[in-house]
Amino acid sequence: MEKTLEELRLEIDKIDTIMAECFENRMHIVADIAKIKAATGKNTYDPEREKYVIEKNCALMLDKELIPFYKDFLQHNMDLSKAYQNMLREQKKFVNDEAIKMQNKKA
């Protein structure tokens, strides 16, 4: 029996909830990276790293038809990460310093 439109939308809603949590976690890590890059004088943009990330993650895709879309998704995420890093560096503001310290103590 095929799923209804409402059932499929509920599945998407659940995935969107997980993606929101993952995005927030990713951006907190991006803030840590921005702090390290600022402290060490490294550029926000690292083309070799971006190439590696796209190739590594596209290789994980089982449905090869989706790779071009996933590649765009990854690139957009990295573009958002760079924009966030640049914003933090320009403002010299690094969010969640206390949360970062707590997380590092746990590791």
C-alpha atoms as a PDB file:
ATOM      1  CA  MET A   1       0.000   0.000   0.000  1.00  0.00           C
ATOM      2  CA  GLU A   2       1.353   3.402  -0.964  1.00  0.00           C
ATOM      3  CA  LYS A   3       1.725   6.112   1.610  1.00  0.00           C
ATOM      4  CA  THR A   4      -0.568   9.078   1.541  1.00  0.00           C
ATOM      5  CA  LEU A   5       0.603  12.609   0.861  1.00  0.00           C
ATOM      6  CA  GLU A   6       0.062  13.433   4.534  1.00  0.00           C
ATOM      7  CA  GLU A   7       2.157  10.450   5.669  1.00  0.00           C
ATOM      8  CA  LEU A   8       4.977  11.410   3.329  1.00  0.00           C
ATOM      9  CA  ARG A   9       4.847  15.010   4.528  1.00  0.00           C
ATOM     10  CA  LEU A  10       5.103  13.806   8.125  1.00  0.00           C
ATOM     11  CA  GLU A  11       8.237  11.872   7.175  1.00  0.00           C
ATOM     12  CA  ILE A  12       9.689  15.014   5.592  1.00  0.00           C
ATOM     13  CA  ASP A  13       8.787  16.990   8.733  1.00  0.00           C
ATOM     14  CA  LYS A  14      10.714  14.488  10.871  1.00  0.00           C
ATOM     15  CA  ILE A  15      13.728  14.709   8.580  1.00  0.00           C
ATOM     16  CA  ASP A  16      13.521  18.520   8.626  1.00  0.00           C
ATOM     17  CA  THR A  17      13.593  18.438  12.431  1.00  0.00           C
ATOM     18  CA  ILE A  18      16.734  16.306  12.374  1.00  0.00           C
ATOM     19  CA  MET A  19      18.300  18.530   9.718  1.00  0.00           C
ATOM     20  CA  ALA A  20      17.634  21.659  11.788  1.00  0.00           C
ATOM     21  CA  GLU A  21      19.434  20.097  14.755  1.00  0.00           C
ATOM     22  CA  CYS A  22      22.323  18.955  12.546  1.00  0.00           C
ATOM     23  CA  PHE A  23      22.561  22.389  10.930  1.00  0.00           C
ATOM     24  CA  GLU A  24      22.705  24.119  14.290  1.00  0.00           C
ATOM     25  CA  ASN A  25      25.378  21.700  15.535  1.00  0.00           C
ATOM     26  CA  ARG A  26      27.359  22.155  12.328  1.00  0.00           C
ATOM     27  CA  MET A  27      27.262  25.941  12.600  1.00  0.00           C
ATOM     28  CA  HIS A  28      28.474  25.819  16.207  1.00  0.00           C
ATOM     29  CA  ILE A  29      31.450  23.806  14.990  1.00  0.00           C
ATOM     30  CA  VAL A  30      31.903  26.333  12.179  1.00  0.00           C
ATOM     31  CA  ALA A  31      32.167  29.026  14.884  1.00  0.00           C
ATOM     32  CA  ASP A  32      34.954  27.019  16.528  1.00  0.00           C
ATOM     33  CA  ILE A  33      36.700  26.722  13.177  1.00  0.00           C
ATOM     34  CA  ALA A  34      36.352  30.473  12.596  1.00  0.00           C
ATOM     35  CA  LYS A  35      37.971  31.112  15.960  1.00  0.00           C
ATOM     36  CA  ILE A  36      40.917  28.854  15.139  1.00  0.00           C
ATOM     37  CA  LYS A  37      41.338  30.323  11.662  1.00  0.00           C
ATOM     38  CA  ALA A  38      41.249  33.859  13.056  1.00  0.00           C
ATOM     39  CA  ALA A  39      43.808  32.993  15.736  1.00  0.00           C
ATOM     40  CA  THR A  40      46.143  31.322  13.250  1.00  0.00           C
ATOM     41  CA  GLY A  41      45.709  33.805  10.399  1.00  0.00           C
ATOM     42  CA  LYS A  42      44.160  31.271   8.031  1.00  0.00           C
ATOM     43  CA  ASN A  43      41.715  32.271   5.321  1.00  0.00           C
ATOM     44  CA  THR A  44      38.064  31.347   5.609  1.00  0.00           C
ATOM     45  CA  TYR A  45      38.034  29.903   2.098  1.00  0.00           C
ATOM     46  CA  ASP A  46      40.028  26.713   1.521  1.00  0.00           C
ATOM     47  CA  PRO A  47      39.313  25.462  -2.016  1.00  0.00           C
ATOM     48  CA  GLU A  48      41.215  22.193  -1.539  1.00  0.00           C
ATOM     49  CA  ARG A  49      39.178  21.391   1.561  1.00  0.00           C
ATOM     50  CA  GLU A  50      35.924  22.158  -0.254  1.00  0.00           C
ATOM     51  CA  LYS A  51      36.903  19.914  -3.158  1.00  0.00           C
ATOM     52  CA  TYR A  52      37.774  17.120  -0.734  1.00  0.00           C
ATOM     53  CA  VAL A  53      34.504  17.472   1.207  1.00  0.00           C
ATOM     54  CA  ILE A  54      32.394  17.372  -1.947  1.00  0.00           C
ATOM     55  CA  GLU A  55      34.209  14.376  -3.409  1.00  0.00           C
ATOM     56  CA  LYS A  56      34.229  12.439  -0.118  1.00  0.00           C
ATOM     57  CA  ASN A  57      30.545  13.014   0.574  1.00  0.00           C
ATOM     58  CA  CYS A  58      29.315  12.482  -2.989  1.00  0.00           C
ATOM     59  CA  ALA A  59      31.053   9.100  -2.910  1.00  0.00           C
ATOM     60  CA  LEU A  60      28.700   8.139  -0.065  1.00  0.00           C
ATOM     61  CA  MET A  61      25.631   8.564  -2.243  1.00  0.00           C
ATOM     62  CA  LEU A  62      23.967   5.324  -3.298  1.00  0.00           C
ATOM     63  CA  ASP A  63      21.507   6.958  -5.684  1.00  0.00           C
ATOM     64  CA  LYS A  64      23.901   8.325  -8.301  1.00  0.00           C
ATOM     65  CA  GLU A  65      21.117  10.315  -9.965  1.00  0.00           C
ATOM     66  CA  LEU A  66      20.995  12.531  -6.869  1.00  0.00           C
ATOM     67  CA  ILE A  67      24.723  13.369  -6.830  1.00  0.00           C
ATOM     68  CA  PRO A  68      24.447  16.685  -8.732  1.00  0.00           C
ATOM     69  CA  PHE A  69      21.752  17.834  -6.307  1.00  0.00           C
ATOM     70  CA  TYR A  70      23.718  16.664  -3.291  1.00  0.00           C
ATOM     71  CA  LYS A  71      26.811  18.417  -4.606  1.00  0.00           C
ATOM     72  CA  ASP A  72      24.798  21.663  -4.785  1.00  0.00           C
ATOM     73  CA  PHE A  73      23.467  21.014  -1.267  1.00  0.00           C
ATOM     74  CA  LEU A  74      26.995  20.543   0.073  1.00  0.00           C
ATOM     75  CA  GLN A  75      28.291  23.624  -1.724  1.00  0.00           C
ATOM     76  CA  HIS A  76      25.439  25.708  -0.353  1.00  0.00           C
ATOM     77  CA  ASN A  77      26.185  24.473   3.171  1.00  0.00           C
ATOM     78  CA  MET A  78      29.842  25.398   2.752  1.00  0.00           C
ATOM     79  CA  ASP A  79      28.876  28.806   1.356  1.00  0.00           C
ATOM     80  CA  LEU A  80      26.685  29.402   4.412  1.00  0.00           C
ATOM     81  CA  SER A  81      29.532  28.275   6.657  1.00  0.00           C
ATOM     82  CA  LYS A  82      31.953  30.695   4.993  1.00  0.00           C
ATOM     83  CA  ALA A  83      29.453  33.538   5.287  1.00  0.00           C
ATOM     84  CA  TYR A  84      28.948  32.777   8.979  1.00  0.00           C
ATOM     85  CA  GLN A  85      32.701  32.527   9.600  1.00  0.00           C
ATOM     86  CA  ASN A  86      33.258  35.846   7.835  1.00  0.00           C
ATOM     87  CA  MET A  87      30.485  37.485   9.847  1.00  0.00           C
ATOM     88  CA  LEU A  88      31.990  36.227  13.107  1.00  0.00           C
ATOM     89  CA  ARG A  89      35.478  37.308  12.101  1.00  0.00           C
ATOM     90  CA  GLU A  90      34.300  40.772  11.049  1.00  0.00           C
ATOM     91  CA  GLN A  91      32.436  41.229  14.315  1.00  0.00           C
ATOM     92  CA  LYS A  92      35.189  39.512  16.292  1.00  0.00           C
ATOM     93  CA  LYS A  93      32.320  37.697  17.898  1.00  0.00           C
ATOM     94  CA  PHE A  94      32.332  34.017  18.574  1.00  0.00           C
ATOM     95  CA  VAL A  95      29.017  32.620  19.712  1.00  0.00           C
ATOM     96  CA  ASN A  96      28.535  30.062  22.445  1.00  0.00           C
ATOM     97  CA  ASP A  97      32.006  30.391  23.968  1.00  0.00           C
ATOM     98  CA  GLU A  98      30.743  28.832  27.197  1.00  0.00           C
ATOM     99  CA  ALA A  99      29.052  25.969  25.342  1.00  0.00           C
ATOM    100  CA  ILE A 100      32.257  25.399  23.369  1.00  0.00           C
ATOM    101  CA  LYS A 101      34.339  25.276  26.571  1.00  0.00           C
ATOM    102  CA  MET A 102      31.920  22.776  28.118  1.00  0.00           C
ATOM    103  CA  GLN A 103      31.956  20.637  24.985  1.00  0.00           C
ATOM    104  CA  ASN A 104      35.760  20.622  24.911  1.00  0.00           C
ATOM    105  CA  LYS A 105      35.904  19.558  28.565  1.00  0.00           C
ATOM    106  CA  LYS A 106      33.686  16.554  27.763  1.00  0.00           C
ATOM    107  CA  ALA A 107      35.931  15.455  24.878  1.00  0.00           C
END
